[in-house]
Amino acid sequence: MPHTSSHTPESPADAPQALVRYFAGARAAAGRTEESVPATTLDVLIADLSTRHGDRLATVLKASSFLIDGVTCHDRQTPVPAGSTVDILPPFAGG
């Protein structure tokens, strides 16, 4: 049987993709360590991930920090370019 990826009908295989890597509580809430997602803006990415993985991840994302290709990103309107890596870093202690 050919390789199958996660079911994302709104994300055609040929659409520009970015890699999301989950750490600590984000990893637990998403139930995975990483996944490919459509390249978009950070706020659209966050909304998409919240829809895909539910309220638990949505809550974690609200308190998380984001790195795009290793650079801290505070502006959620920032583009997430095709081929980039987005690291999701929830607070590691207390908050």
PDB file of N, CA and C in Angstrom:
ATOM      1  N   MET A   1       0.855  -1.175   0.000  1.00  0.00           N
ATOM      2  CA  MET A   1       0.000   0.000   0.000  1.00  0.00           C
ATOM      3  C   MET A   1       0.899   1.236   0.000  1.00  0.00           C
ATOM      4  N   PRO A   2       0.557   2.284  -0.761  1.00  0.00           N
ATOM      5  CA  PRO A   2       1.395   3.485  -0.806  1.00  0.00           C
ATOM      6  C   PRO A   2       1.366   4.241   0.512  1.00  0.00           C
ATOM      7  N   HIS A   3       2.392   5.060   0.697  1.00  0.00           N
ATOM      8  CA  HIS A   3       2.494   5.886   1.911  1.00  0.00           C
ATOM      9  C   HIS A   3       1.282   6.808   2.017  1.00  0.00           C
ATOM     10  N   THR A   4       0.713   6.902   3.200  1.00  0.00           N
ATOM     11  CA  THR A   4      -0.402   7.818   3.422  1.00  0.00           C
ATOM     12  C   THR A   4      -0.015   8.810   4.489  1.00  0.00           C
ATOM     13  N   SER A   5      -0.474  10.036   4.337  1.00  0.00           N
ATOM     14  CA  SER A   5      -0.206  11.062   5.339  1.00  0.00           C
ATOM     15  C   SER A   5      -1.492  11.356   6.090  1.00  0.00           C
ATOM     16  N   SER A   6      -1.415  12.249   7.067  1.00  0.00           N
ATOM     17  CA  SER A   6      -2.606  12.582   7.833  1.00  0.00           C
ATOM     18  C   SER A   6      -3.660  13.164   6.913  1.00  0.00           C
ATOM     19  N   HIS A   7      -4.895  12.918   7.211  1.00  0.00           N
ATOM     20  CA  HIS A   7      -5.999  13.356   6.375  1.00  0.00           C
ATOM     21  C   HIS A   7      -6.219  14.853   6.531  1.00  0.00           C
ATOM     22  N   THR A   8      -5.897  15.596   5.491  1.00  0.00           N
ATOM     23  CA  THR A   8      -6.108  17.040   5.493  1.00  0.00           C
ATOM     24  C   THR A   8      -6.590  17.460   4.118  1.00  0.00           C
ATOM     25  N   PRO A   9      -7.879  17.283   3.817  1.00  0.00           N
ATOM     26  CA  PRO A   9      -8.379  17.568   2.485  1.00  0.00           C
ATOM     27  C   PRO A   9      -8.198  19.026   2.077  1.00  0.00           C
ATOM     28  N   GLU A  10      -8.136  19.944   3.033  1.00  0.00           N
ATOM     29  CA  GLU A  10      -7.949  21.346   2.706  1.00  0.00           C
ATOM     30  C   GLU A  10      -6.491  21.674   2.413  1.00  0.00           C
ATOM     31  N   SER A  11      -5.603  20.690   2.500  1.00  0.00           N
ATOM     32  CA  SER A  11      -4.169  20.890   2.302  1.00  0.00           C
ATOM     33  C   SER A  11      -3.660  19.952   1.216  1.00  0.00           C
ATOM     34  N   PRO A  12      -3.855  20.303  -0.052  1.00  0.00           N
ATOM     35  CA  PRO A  12      -3.379  19.414  -1.115  1.00  0.00           C
ATOM     36  C   PRO A  12      -1.882  19.165  -0.982  1.00  0.00           C
ATOM     37  N   ALA A  13      -1.466  17.978  -1.386  1.00  0.00           N
ATOM     38  CA  ALA A  13      -0.065  17.582  -1.248  1.00  0.00           C
ATOM     39  C   ALA A  13       0.876  18.524  -1.984  1.00  0.00           C
ATOM     40  N   ASP A  14       0.405  19.160  -3.055  1.00  0.00           N
ATOM     41  CA  ASP A  14       1.284  20.035  -3.826  1.00  0.00           C
ATOM     42  C   ASP A  14       1.272  21.490  -3.334  1.00  0.00           C
ATOM     43  N   ALA A  15       0.481  21.791  -2.291  1.00  0.00           N
ATOM     44  CA  ALA A  15       0.463  23.148  -1.738  1.00  0.00           C
ATOM     45  C   ALA A  15       1.779  23.411  -1.006  1.00  0.00           C
ATOM     46  N   PRO A  16       2.271  24.659  -1.007  1.00  0.00           N
ATOM     47  CA  PRO A  16       3.495  24.975  -0.256  1.00  0.00           C
ATOM     48  C   PRO A  16       3.318  24.617   1.221  1.00  0.00           C
ATOM     49  N   GLN A  17       4.323  23.942   1.775  1.00  0.00           N
ATOM     50  CA  GLN A  17       4.217  23.434   3.138  1.00  0.00           C
ATOM     51  C   GLN A  17       5.304  24.017   4.029  1.00  0.00           C
ATOM     52  N   ALA A  18       5.014  24.018   5.325  1.00  0.00           N
ATOM     53  CA  ALA A  18       5.984  24.345   6.371  1.00  0.00           C
ATOM     54  C   ALA A  18       5.950  23.191   7.368  1.00  0.00           C
ATOM     55  N   LEU A  19       7.016  23.025   8.114  1.00  0.00           N
ATOM     56  CA  LEU A  19       7.097  21.973   9.123  1.00  0.00           C
ATOM     57  C   LEU A  19       6.841  22.581  10.494  1.00  0.00           C
ATOM     58  N   VAL A  20       5.891  22.011  11.231  1.00  0.00           N
ATOM     59  CA  VAL A  20       5.631  22.427  12.614  1.00  0.00           C
ATOM     60  C   VAL A  20       6.210  21.357  13.520  1.00  0.00           C
ATOM     61  N   ARG A  21       7.016  21.803  14.500  1.00  0.00           N
ATOM     62  CA  ARG A  21       7.564  20.892  15.505  1.00  0.00           C
ATOM     63  C   ARG A  21       6.992  21.283  16.862  1.00  0.00           C
ATOM     64  N   TYR A  22       6.478  20.273  17.572  1.00  0.00           N
ATOM     65  CA  TYR A  22       5.853  20.479  18.878  1.00  0.00           C
ATOM     66  C   TYR A  22       6.816  20.074  19.985  1.00  0.00           C
ATOM     67  N   PHE A  23       6.840  20.856  21.061  1.00  0.00           N
ATOM     68  CA  PHE A  23       7.692  20.559  22.202  1.00  0.00           C
ATOM     69  C   PHE A  23       6.848  20.505  23.473  1.00  0.00           C
ATOM     70  N   ALA A  24       7.286  19.671  24.427  1.00  0.00           N
ATOM     71  CA  ALA A  24       6.713  19.575  25.781  1.00  0.00           C
ATOM     72  C   ALA A  24       5.186  19.432  25.739  1.00  0.00           C
ATOM     73  N   GLY A  25       4.465  20.325  26.409  1.00  0.00           N
ATOM     74  CA  GLY A  25       3.012  20.236  26.496  1.00  0.00           C
ATOM     75  C   GLY A  25       2.316  20.343  25.157  1.00  0.00           C
ATOM     76  N   ALA A  26       2.903  21.050  24.206  1.00  0.00           N
ATOM     77  CA  ALA A  26       2.318  21.133  22.865  1.00  0.00           C
ATOM     78  C   ALA A  26       2.377  19.770  22.182  1.00  0.00           C
ATOM     79  N   ARG A  27       3.474  19.057  22.392  1.00  0.00           N
ATOM     80  CA  ARG A  27       3.612  17.710  21.828  1.00  0.00           C
ATOM     81  C   ARG A  27       2.531  16.802  22.408  1.00  0.00           C
ATOM     82  N   ALA A  28       2.334  16.859  23.709  1.00  0.00           N
ATOM     83  CA  ALA A  28       1.321  16.020  24.352  1.00  0.00           C
ATOM     84  C   ALA A  28      -0.081  16.383  23.864  1.00  0.00           C
ATOM     85  N   ALA A  29      -0.358  17.674  23.719  1.00  0.00           N
ATOM     86  CA  ALA A  29      -1.695  18.114  23.305  1.00  0.00           C
ATOM     87  C   ALA A  29      -1.982  17.781  21.839  1.00  0.00           C
ATOM     88  N   ALA A  30      -0.965  17.857  20.987  1.00  0.00           N
ATOM     89  CA  ALA A  30      -1.154  17.554  19.566  1.00  0.00           C
ATOM     90  C   ALA A  30      -1.107  16.055  19.286  1.00  0.00           C
ATOM     91  N   GLY A  31      -0.471  15.314  20.191  1.00  0.00           N
ATOM     92  CA  GLY A  31      -0.365  13.877  19.995  1.00  0.00           C
ATOM     93  C   GLY A  31       0.646  13.486  18.930  1.00  0.00           C
ATOM     94  N   ARG A  32       1.597  14.367  18.659  1.00  0.00           N
ATOM     95  CA  ARG A  32       2.639  14.107  17.660  1.00  0.00           C
ATOM     96  C   ARG A  32       3.812  15.030  17.906  1.00  0.00           C
ATOM     97  N   THR A  33       4.939  14.720  17.303  1.00  0.00           N
ATOM     98  CA  THR A  33       6.124  15.553  17.474  1.00  0.00           C
ATOM     99  C   THR A  33       6.249  16.608  16.391  1.00  0.00           C
ATOM    100  N   GLU A  34       5.711  16.316  15.203  1.00  0.00           N
ATOM    101  CA  GLU A  34       5.779  17.281  14.101  1.00  0.00           C
ATOM    102  C   GLU A  34       4.769  16.923  13.036  1.00  0.00           C
ATOM    103  N   GLU A  35       4.516  17.878  12.155  1.00  0.00           N
ATOM    104  CA  GLU A  35       3.651  17.646  11.006  1.00  0.00           C
ATOM    105  C   GLU A  35       3.881  18.738   9.975  1.00  0.00           C
ATOM    106  N   SER A  36       3.571  18.424   8.727  1.00  0.00           N
ATOM    107  CA  SER A  36       3.630  19.408   7.655  1.00  0.00           C
ATOM    108  C   SER A  36       2.274  20.085   7.544  1.00  0.00           C
ATOM    109  N   VAL A  37       2.308  21.400   7.346  1.00  0.00           N
ATOM    110  CA  VAL A  37       1.087  22.198   7.262  1.00  0.00           C
ATOM    111  C   VAL A  37       1.229  23.195   6.113  1.00  0.00           C
ATOM    112  N   PRO A  38       0.109  23.744   5.641  1.00  0.00           N
ATOM    113  CA  PRO A  38       0.213  24.755   4.592  1.00  0.00           C
ATOM    114  C   PRO A  38       0.980  25.984   5.082  1.00  0.00           C
ATOM    115  N   ALA A  39       1.824  26.525   4.223  1.00  0.00           N
ATOM    116  CA  ALA A  39       2.523  27.773   4.531  1.00  0.00           C
ATOM    117  C   ALA A  39       1.502  28.900   4.478  1.00  0.00           C
ATOM    118  N   THR A  40       1.478  29.742   5.493  1.00  0.00           N
ATOM    119  CA  THR A  40       0.465  30.785   5.622  1.00  0.00           C
ATOM    120  C   THR A  40       1.009  31.866   6.549  1.00  0.00           C
ATOM    121  N   THR A  41       0.165  32.471   7.382  1.00  0.00           N
ATOM    122  CA  THR A  41       0.651  33.375   8.432  1.00  0.00           C
ATOM    123  C   THR A  41       0.562  32.642   9.763  1.00  0.00           C
ATOM    124  N   LEU A  42       1.254  33.152  10.756  1.00  0.00           N
ATOM    125  CA  LEU A  42       1.271  32.488  12.060  1.00  0.00           C
ATOM    126  C   LEU A  42      -0.123  32.425  12.669  1.00  0.00           C
ATOM    127  N   ASP A  43      -0.914  33.492  12.574  1.00  0.00           N
ATOM    128  CA  ASP A  43      -2.250  33.440  13.177  1.00  0.00           C
ATOM    129  C   ASP A  43      -3.161  32.432  12.484  1.00  0.00           C
ATOM    130  N   VAL A  44      -3.054  32.311  11.161  1.00  0.00           N
ATOM    131  CA  VAL A  44      -3.855  31.314  10.438  1.00  0.00           C
ATOM    132  C   VAL A  44      -3.375  29.914  10.790  1.00  0.00           C
ATOM    133  N   LEU A  45      -2.071  29.744  10.916  1.00  0.00           N
ATOM    134  CA  LEU A  45      -1.508  28.455  11.314  1.00  0.00           C
ATOM    135  C   LEU A  45      -2.024  28.040  12.695  1.00  0.00           C
ATOM    136  N   ILE A  46      -2.013  28.965  13.645  1.00  0.00           N
ATOM    137  CA  ILE A  46      -2.486  28.677  14.997  1.00  0.00           C
ATOM    138  C   ILE A  46      -3.963  28.272  14.975  1.00  0.00           C
ATOM    139  N   ALA A  47      -4.775  28.989  14.212  1.00  0.00           N
ATOM    140  CA  ALA A  47      -6.199  28.655  14.110  1.00  0.00           C
ATOM    141  C   ALA A  47      -6.386  27.272  13.477  1.00  0.00           C
ATOM    142  N   ASP A  48      -5.606  26.982  12.429  1.00  0.00           N
ATOM    143  CA  ASP A  48      -5.703  25.689  11.769  1.00  0.00           C
ATOM    144  C   ASP A  48      -5.317  24.549  12.708  1.00  0.00           C
ATOM    145  N   LEU A  49      -4.219  24.726  13.433  1.00  0.00           N
ATOM    146  CA  LEU A  49      -3.781  23.685  14.368  1.00  0.00           C
ATOM    147  C   LEU A  49      -4.795  23.480  15.483  1.00  0.00           C
ATOM    148  N   SER A  50      -5.410  24.567  15.958  1.00  0.00           N
ATOM    149  CA  SER A  50      -6.438  24.469  16.997  1.00  0.00           C
ATOM    150  C   SER A  50      -7.633  23.672  16.493  1.00  0.00           C
ATOM    151  N   THR A  51      -8.017  23.903  15.244  1.00  0.00           N
ATOM    152  CA  THR A  51      -9.134  23.174  14.645  1.00  0.00           C
ATOM    153  C   THR A  51      -8.783  21.702  14.462  1.00  0.00           C
ATOM    154  N   ARG A  52      -7.587  21.433  13.976  1.00  0.00           N
ATOM    155  CA  ARG A  52      -7.158  20.052  13.721  1.00  0.00           C
ATOM    156  C   ARG A  52      -7.062  19.221  14.992  1.00  0.00           C
ATOM    157  N   HIS A  53      -6.532  19.823  16.077  1.00  0.00           N
ATOM    158  CA  HIS A  53      -6.172  19.038  17.260  1.00  0.00           C
ATOM    159  C   HIS A  53      -7.007  19.329  18.501  1.00  0.00           C
ATOM    160  N   GLY A  54      -7.910  20.300  18.435  1.00  0.00           N
ATOM    161  CA  GLY A  54      -8.861  20.493  19.516  1.00  0.00           C
ATOM    162  C   GLY A  54      -8.486  21.510  20.583  1.00  0.00           C
ATOM    163  N   ASP A  55      -9.380  21.588  21.574  1.00  0.00           N
ATOM    164  CA  ASP A  55      -9.283  22.608  22.619  1.00  0.00           C
ATOM    165  C   ASP A  55      -8.023  22.506  23.466  1.00  0.00           C
ATOM    166  N   ARG A  56      -7.558  21.286  23.714  1.00  0.00           N
ATOM    167  CA  ARG A  56      -6.365  21.127  24.557  1.00  0.00           C
ATOM    168  C   ARG A  56      -5.172  21.830  23.906  1.00  0.00           C
ATOM    169  N   LEU A  57      -4.957  21.604  22.611  1.00  0.00           N
ATOM    170  CA  LEU A  57      -3.849  22.271  21.931  1.00  0.00           C
ATOM    171  C   LEU A  57      -4.125  23.759  21.811  1.00  0.00           C
ATOM    172  N   ALA A  58      -5.359  24.153  21.548  1.00  0.00           N
ATOM    173  CA  ALA A  58      -5.696  25.580  21.444  1.00  0.00           C
ATOM    174  C   ALA A  58      -5.301  26.320  22.715  1.00  0.00           C
ATOM    175  N   THR A  59      -5.558  25.712  23.859  1.00  0.00           N
ATOM    176  CA  THR A  59      -5.191  26.321  25.140  1.00  0.00           C
ATOM    177  C   THR A  59      -3.675  26.452  25.267  1.00  0.00           C
ATOM    178  N   VAL A  60      -2.952  25.417  24.887  1.00  0.00           N
ATOM    179  CA  VAL A  60      -1.486  25.458  24.943  1.00  0.00           C
ATOM    180  C   VAL A  60      -0.950  26.537  23.998  1.00  0.00           C
ATOM    181  N   LEU A  61      -1.511  26.628  22.807  1.00  0.00           N
ATOM    182  CA  LEU A  61      -1.026  27.604  21.823  1.00  0.00           C
ATOM    183  C   LEU A  61      -1.181  29.046  22.301  1.00  0.00           C
ATOM    184  N   LYS A  62      -2.222  29.306  23.085  1.00  0.00           N
ATOM    185  CA  LYS A  62      -2.438  30.667  23.604  1.00  0.00           C
ATOM    186  C   LYS A  62      -1.286  31.135  24.478  1.00  0.00           C
ATOM    187  N   ALA A  63      -0.616  30.209  25.156  1.00  0.00           N
ATOM    188  CA  ALA A  63       0.465  30.570  26.073  1.00  0.00           C
ATOM    189  C   ALA A  63       1.854  30.299  25.488  1.00  0.00           C
ATOM    190  N   SER A  64       1.912  29.793  24.258  1.00  0.00           N
ATOM    191  CA  SER A  64       3.179  29.353  23.673  1.00  0.00           C
ATOM    192  C   SER A  64       3.969  30.481  23.026  1.00  0.00           C
ATOM    193  N   SER A  65       5.257  30.214  22.878  1.00  0.00           N
ATOM    194  CA  SER A  65       6.143  31.045  22.068  1.00  0.00           C
ATOM    195  C   SER A  65       6.372  30.315  20.755  1.00  0.00           C
ATOM    196  N   PHE A  66       6.680  31.076  19.714  1.00  0.00           N
ATOM    197  CA  PHE A  66       6.854  30.506  18.386  1.00  0.00           C
ATOM    198  C   PHE A  66       8.185  30.953  17.802  1.00  0.00           C
ATOM    199  N   LEU A  67       8.881  30.005  17.200  1.00  0.00           N
ATOM    200  CA  LEU A  67      10.100  30.305  16.458  1.00  0.00           C
ATOM    201  C   LEU A  67       9.841  29.942  15.005  1.00  0.00           C
ATOM    202  N   ILE A  68      10.204  30.826  14.100  1.00  0.00           N
ATOM    203  CA  ILE A  68      10.155  30.524  12.672  1.00  0.00           C
ATOM    204  C   ILE A  68      11.597  30.486  12.196  1.00  0.00           C
ATOM    205  N   ASP A  69      12.037  29.312  11.784  1.00  0.00           N
ATOM    206  CA  ASP A  69      13.432  29.085  11.383  1.00  0.00           C
ATOM    207  C   ASP A  69      14.400  29.590  12.449  1.00  0.00           C
ATOM    208  N   GLY A  70      14.064  29.313  13.723  1.00  0.00           N
ATOM    209  CA  GLY A  70      14.948  29.625  14.832  1.00  0.00           C
ATOM    210  C   GLY A  70      14.875  31.041  15.356  1.00  0.00           C
ATOM    211  N   VAL A  71      14.007  31.881  14.775  1.00  0.00           N
ATOM    212  CA  VAL A  71      13.881  33.276  15.191  1.00  0.00           C
ATOM    213  C   VAL A  71      12.553  33.459  15.922  1.00  0.00           C
ATOM    214  N   THR A  72      12.620  34.034  17.125  1.00  0.00           N
ATOM    215  CA  THR A  72      11.407  34.283  17.908  1.00  0.00           C
ATOM    216  C   THR A  72      10.461  35.183  17.134  1.00  0.00           C
ATOM    217  N   CYS A  73       9.195  34.815  17.144  1.00  0.00           N
ATOM    218  CA  CYS A  73       8.182  35.561  16.403  1.00  0.00           C
ATOM    219  C   CYS A  73       7.074  35.986  17.372  1.00  0.00           C
ATOM    220  N   HIS A  74       6.907  37.307  17.541  1.00  0.00           N
ATOM    221  CA  HIS A  74       5.849  37.828  18.410  1.00  0.00           C
ATOM    222  C   HIS A  74       4.653  38.345  17.615  1.00  0.00           C
ATOM    223  N   ASP A  75       4.858  38.666  16.346  1.00  0.00           N
ATOM    224  CA  ASP A  75       3.796  39.206  15.485  1.00  0.00           C
ATOM    225  C   ASP A  75       3.075  38.052  14.798  1.00  0.00           C
ATOM    226  N   ARG A  76       1.838  37.852  15.159  1.00  0.00           N
ATOM    227  CA  ARG A  76       1.099  36.708  14.620  1.00  0.00           C
ATOM    228  C   ARG A  76       0.635  36.920  13.179  1.00  0.00           C
ATOM    229  N   GLN A  77       0.895  38.088  12.619  1.00  0.00           N
ATOM    230  CA  GLN A  77       0.621  38.321  11.198  1.00  0.00           C
ATOM    231  C   GLN A  77       1.831  37.946  10.335  1.00  0.00           C
ATOM    232  N   THR A  78       2.911  37.493  10.969  1.00  0.00           N
ATOM    233  CA  THR A  78       4.136  37.131  10.268  1.00  0.00           C
ATOM    234  C   THR A  78       3.879  35.975   9.311  1.00  0.00           C
ATOM    235  N   PRO A  79       4.333  36.097   8.076  1.00  0.00           N
ATOM    236  CA  PRO A  79       4.204  34.977   7.142  1.00  0.00           C
ATOM    237  C   PRO A  79       5.032  33.779   7.596  1.00  0.00           C
ATOM    238  N   VAL A  80       4.500  32.594   7.355  1.00  0.00           N
ATOM    239  CA  VAL A  80       5.220  31.344   7.561  1.00  0.00           C
ATOM    240  C   VAL A  80       5.557  30.840   6.162  1.00  0.00           C
ATOM    241  N   PRO A  81       6.791  31.075   5.704  1.00  0.00           N
ATOM    242  CA  PRO A  81       7.141  30.739   4.321  1.00  0.00           C
ATOM    243  C   PRO A  81       7.172  29.234   4.061  1.00  0.00           C
ATOM    244  N   ALA A  82       6.939  28.871   2.806  1.00  0.00           N
ATOM    245  CA  ALA A  82       7.082  27.481   2.392  1.00  0.00           C
ATOM    246  C   ALA A  82       8.496  27.026   2.696  1.00  0.00           C
ATOM    247  N   GLY A  83       8.621  25.823   3.217  1.00  0.00           N
ATOM    248  CA  GLY A  83       9.917  25.253   3.531  1.00  0.00           C
ATOM    249  C   GLY A  83      10.479  25.654   4.881  1.00  0.00           C
ATOM    250  N   SER A  84       9.765  26.503   5.613  1.00  0.00           N
ATOM    251  CA  SER A  84      10.265  26.937   6.922  1.00  0.00           C
ATOM    252  C   SER A  84       9.882  25.934   8.003  1.00  0.00           C
ATOM    253  N   THR A  85      10.499  26.107   9.172  1.00  0.00           N
ATOM    254  CA  THR A  85      10.199  25.282  10.340  1.00  0.00           C
ATOM    255  C   THR A  85       9.663  26.184  11.442  1.00  0.00           C
ATOM    256  N   VAL A  86       8.524  25.810  11.998  1.00  0.00           N
ATOM    257  CA  VAL A  86       7.909  26.541  13.101  1.00  0.00           C
ATOM    258  C   VAL A  86       8.006  25.661  14.342  1.00  0.00           C
ATOM    259  N   ASP A  87       8.680  26.167  15.364  1.00  0.00           N
ATOM    260  CA  ASP A  87       8.767  25.468  16.635  1.00  0.00           C
ATOM    261  C   ASP A  87       7.752  26.064  17.596  1.00  0.00           C
ATOM    262  N   ILE A  88       6.965  25.207  18.238  1.00  0.00           N
ATOM    263  CA  ILE A  88       5.975  25.643  19.214  1.00  0.00           C
ATOM    264  C   ILE A  88       6.501  25.277  20.593  1.00  0.00           C
ATOM    265  N   LEU A  89       6.755  26.322  21.393  1.00  0.00           N
ATOM    266  CA  LEU A  89       7.364  26.166  22.704  1.00  0.00           C
ATOM    267  C   LEU A  89       6.421  26.660  23.791  1.00  0.00           C
ATOM    268  N   PRO A  90       5.708  25.749  24.454  1.00  0.00           N
ATOM    269  CA  PRO A  90       4.854  26.178  25.559  1.00  0.00           C
ATOM    270  C   PRO A  90       5.705  26.580  26.757  1.00  0.00           C
ATOM    271  N   PRO A  91       5.106  27.296  27.715  1.00  0.00           N
ATOM    272  CA  PRO A  91       5.873  27.590  28.932  1.00  0.00           C
ATOM    273  C   PRO A  91       6.328  26.264  29.562  1.00  0.00           C
ATOM    274  N   PHE A  92       7.589  26.198  29.956  1.00  0.00           N
ATOM    275  CA  PHE A  92       8.140  24.952  30.485  1.00  0.00           C
ATOM    276  C   PHE A  92       7.947  24.811  31.981  1.00  0.00           C
ATOM    277  N   ALA A  93       7.683  25.931  32.670  1.00  0.00           N
ATOM    278  CA  ALA A  93       7.471  25.860  34.118  1.00  0.00           C
ATOM    279  C   ALA A  93       6.541  26.984  34.519  1.00  0.00           C
ATOM    280  N   GLY A  94       5.665  26.687  35.447  1.00  0.00           N
ATOM    281  CA  GLY A  94       4.790  27.659  36.089  1.00  0.00           C
ATOM    282  C   GLY A  94       4.087  28.645  35.192  1.00  0.00           C
ATOM    283  N   GLY A  95       4.777  29.435  34.421  1.00  0.00           N
ATOM    284  CA  GLY A  95       4.152  30.404  33.544  1.00  0.00           C
ATOM    285  C   GLY A  95       4.140  31.701  34.194  1.00  0.00           C
TER     286      GLY A  95
END
